[in-house]
Structures are given as C-alpha cells and as structure tokens.
Amino acid sequence: MHSASRIVSVDDVPEETTFLFRVRPVDGDEEKEAILLHDDEGVVSWLNYCQHFTHIKLDKGSGAEMRDGEVICTNHGAYFEADSGRCTFGPCEGAFLNEIEVGVEDGDVYLVDDDYEFVGTGEIETAKDDLGSKSNYEF
C-alpha cells in the first residue's frame, strides 16, 4: 500500500475508544473527520458524524465513548454498532454511519477508499475566534 495513505499503526488504535483522523473527498476541498476503531474482524472506519444531526461529532478530539462494541453519540444518546455502523438505539435508530474503507498491511492501517485521500491525524483545526453556533436550532 502507498505510504501517503498510511494512517497509523494498528497498535495505536485504542481498544476501548476511537482514533481520529482527517480525509478529503477526491472531488472536493472540504476536509472531513473520520474515526478508526476495533471490531471483531480487525479495524473499521466511519465518518465522525452522528446520523441524527450530521454536524455533531462522535469523537470530539479525545476519543468517542463506547460501550459493549458500540460507539455512543454523547449529544443524543444514539448507539452505533462498531462492525456495521448501524444505529441500534436513539433518535436515528436504523440509520448507518458512513463507511470509510481502510486496510491493514504489515501492522499499519491504510486508507484504501477511492473516494477520499488521507490528510492527517487528529481533528480539523478551527479558528479559535470562531463564534459560529453549534446549536441544533436556527435563529
């Protein structure tokens, strides 16, 4: 696999939470956040946005909360299965997280999704003086 698509070592993907990284659609400029996590088969990846309100992040920079193999949206209480991305409880029950294809080779995790390119690890940097509302309400 190509070194530019290497995200992280499998050993650095936490067992009980998520690993945050950034991607960019190959046909666009807007960066998006994605998460890596372990499931029964290995490592999987999803875009880092709840399906109830898609501007709400699951991992806010310090790892998403997880319980019994499910990622929890702390804003809405939604639960998403790690292996399928399906919401099993909450306001978006039955919805699915958006998958990002990854592969593992020689102990490293690589982005193999043809729709995205790897940008870097960690959250998207925003201006410290950004006063934009993160509310679910429009005024």
Protein backbone atom coordinates (compact mmCIF):
# COMPACT_ATOMS: atom_id res chain seq x y z
CA MET A 1 0.00 0.00 0.00
CA HIS A 2 1.11 3.55 -0.67
CA SER A 3 2.88 5.29 2.23
CA ALA A 4 0.90 8.53 1.69
CA SER A 5 -2.27 6.65 2.62
CA ARG A 6 -0.83 5.26 5.89
CA ILE A 7 -2.95 6.45 8.81
CA VAL A 8 -1.46 4.81 11.90
CA SER A 9 -0.08 1.59 13.37
CA VAL A 10 -2.77 -0.92 14.37
CA ASP A 11 -1.18 -0.92 17.84
CA ASP A 12 -2.02 2.80 18.18
CA VAL A 13 -5.75 2.30 17.54
CA PRO A 14 -7.30 2.21 21.03
CA GLU A 15 -9.27 -0.86 22.10
CA GLU A 16 -11.96 0.98 24.11
CA THR A 17 -12.43 4.19 22.13
CA THR A 18 -11.68 5.69 18.71
CA PHE A 19 -8.74 7.14 16.77
CA LEU A 20 -9.45 10.40 14.95
CA PHE A 21 -8.09 11.34 11.52
CA ARG A 22 -8.92 13.61 8.57
CA VAL A 23 -9.80 12.88 4.95
CA ARG A 24 -10.71 14.97 1.92
CA PRO A 25 -13.04 13.83 -0.86
CA VAL A 26 -11.04 13.41 -4.08
CA ASP A 27 -13.62 15.57 -5.89
CA GLY A 28 -13.78 18.31 -3.25
CA ASP A 29 -11.88 20.61 -0.93
CA GLU A 30 -13.73 20.24 2.36
CA GLU A 31 -11.89 18.15 4.97
CA LYS A 32 -13.92 15.64 6.96
CA GLU A 33 -13.14 13.78 10.15
CA ALA A 34 -13.18 10.01 10.38
CA ILE A 35 -12.67 7.52 13.18
CA LEU A 36 -10.90 4.18 13.41
CA LEU A 37 -11.97 1.53 15.88
CA HIS A 38 -11.57 -2.14 16.54
CA ASP A 39 -14.32 -4.63 15.82
CA ASP A 40 -14.38 -8.44 15.91
CA GLU A 41 -12.72 -8.63 12.47
CA GLY A 42 -9.97 -6.02 12.91
CA VAL A 43 -10.11 -2.27 12.28
CA VAL A 44 -13.02 -0.35 10.71
CA SER A 45 -13.58 3.30 9.89
CA TRP A 46 -16.57 5.64 9.77
CA LEU A 47 -17.03 9.33 9.14
CA ASN A 48 -17.09 11.06 12.53
CA TYR A 49 -20.65 12.39 12.37
CA CYS A 50 -23.84 11.24 14.09
CA GLN A 51 -26.69 10.43 11.73
CA HIS A 52 -29.29 12.29 13.82
CA PHE A 53 -27.72 15.72 13.28
CA THR A 54 -24.80 15.21 10.92
CA HIS A 55 -22.81 18.21 12.18
CA ILE A 56 -22.47 16.55 15.61
CA LYS A 57 -19.19 14.66 16.03
CA LEU A 58 -18.95 11.28 17.76
CA ASP A 59 -15.27 11.80 18.66
CA LYS A 60 -14.79 15.36 19.83
CA GLY A 61 -11.00 15.06 19.94
CA SER A 62 -10.36 12.73 22.86
CA GLY A 63 -11.96 9.50 21.64
CA ALA A 64 -15.62 8.61 21.32
CA GLU A 65 -17.37 6.95 24.20
CA MET A 66 -18.01 3.23 23.62
CA ARG A 67 -19.95 0.50 25.39
CA ASP A 68 -20.21 -3.20 24.51
CA GLY A 69 -18.84 -2.76 20.99
CA GLU A 70 -20.94 0.28 20.16
CA VAL A 71 -19.97 3.92 19.61
CA ILE A 72 -22.13 6.37 21.57
CA CYS A 73 -23.16 9.84 20.48
CA THR A 74 -23.00 11.75 23.75
CA ASN A 75 -25.21 14.54 22.35
CA HIS A 76 -28.21 12.34 21.51
CA GLY A 77 -27.59 9.02 23.25
CA ALA A 78 -27.52 7.15 19.93
CA TYR A 79 -25.62 3.83 19.81
CA PHE A 80 -23.84 2.64 16.64
CA GLU A 81 -22.51 -0.89 16.14
CA ALA A 82 -18.75 -0.82 15.61
CA ASP A 83 -18.81 -3.50 12.91
CA SER A 84 -21.77 -2.32 10.80
CA GLY A 85 -22.24 1.36 11.72
CA ARG A 86 -25.96 0.69 12.28
CA CYS A 87 -27.73 2.79 14.90
CA THR A 88 -29.33 0.37 17.36
CA PHE A 89 -30.78 2.93 19.78
CA GLY A 90 -31.62 6.61 19.73
CA PRO A 91 -33.28 9.21 17.55
CA CYS A 92 -31.68 7.88 14.33
CA GLU A 93 -32.32 4.17 15.03
CA GLY A 94 -31.89 2.14 11.84
CA ALA A 95 -29.60 4.70 10.17
CA PHE A 96 -25.99 3.84 9.29
CA LEU A 97 -22.72 5.70 9.76
CA ASN A 98 -20.88 6.48 6.51
CA GLU A 99 -18.06 3.99 5.97
CA ILE A 100 -14.50 4.89 5.03
CA GLU A 101 -12.64 1.91 3.58
CA VAL A 102 -9.39 1.03 5.32
CA GLY A 103 -6.99 -1.89 5.06
CA VAL A 104 -4.30 -3.36 7.26
CA GLU A 105 -0.89 -4.41 5.99
CA ASP A 106 2.26 -5.19 7.98
CA GLY A 107 0.72 -3.85 11.19
CA ASP A 108 -0.32 -0.48 9.74
CA VAL A 109 -3.75 0.92 8.84
CA TYR A 110 -4.11 2.48 5.37
CA LEU A 111 -6.86 4.48 3.71
CA VAL A 112 -7.97 2.42 0.69
CA ASP A 113 -11.21 4.27 -0.08
CA ASP A 114 -11.09 5.59 -3.67
CA ASP A 115 -13.43 8.47 -2.75
CA TYR A 116 -11.08 10.03 -0.18
CA GLU A 117 -7.46 11.00 0.32
CA PHE A 118 -5.71 10.95 3.69
CA VAL A 119 -4.98 14.41 5.13
CA GLY A 120 -3.63 13.76 8.63
CA THR A 121 -4.38 12.61 12.15
CA GLY A 122 -6.37 14.48 14.76
CA GLU A 123 -9.33 16.80 14.48
CA ILE A 124 -9.97 19.53 11.93
CA GLU A 125 -8.43 22.76 13.14
CA THR A 126 -10.86 25.63 13.52
CA ALA A 127 -10.15 29.26 14.26
CA LYS A 128 -10.05 29.93 18.00
CA ASP A 129 -12.20 33.00 17.48
CA ASP A 130 -14.90 31.08 15.59
CA LEU A 131 -18.11 32.25 17.20
CA GLY A 132 -20.38 30.21 14.95
CA SER A 133 -23.17 28.41 16.75
CA LYS A 134 -23.04 24.64 17.19
CA SER A 135 -26.69 24.67 18.24
CA ASN A 136 -29.27 22.46 16.55
CA TYR A 137 -31.59 25.49 16.39
CA GLU A 138 -31.66 28.15 13.72
CA PHE A 139 -32.48 31.73 14.68
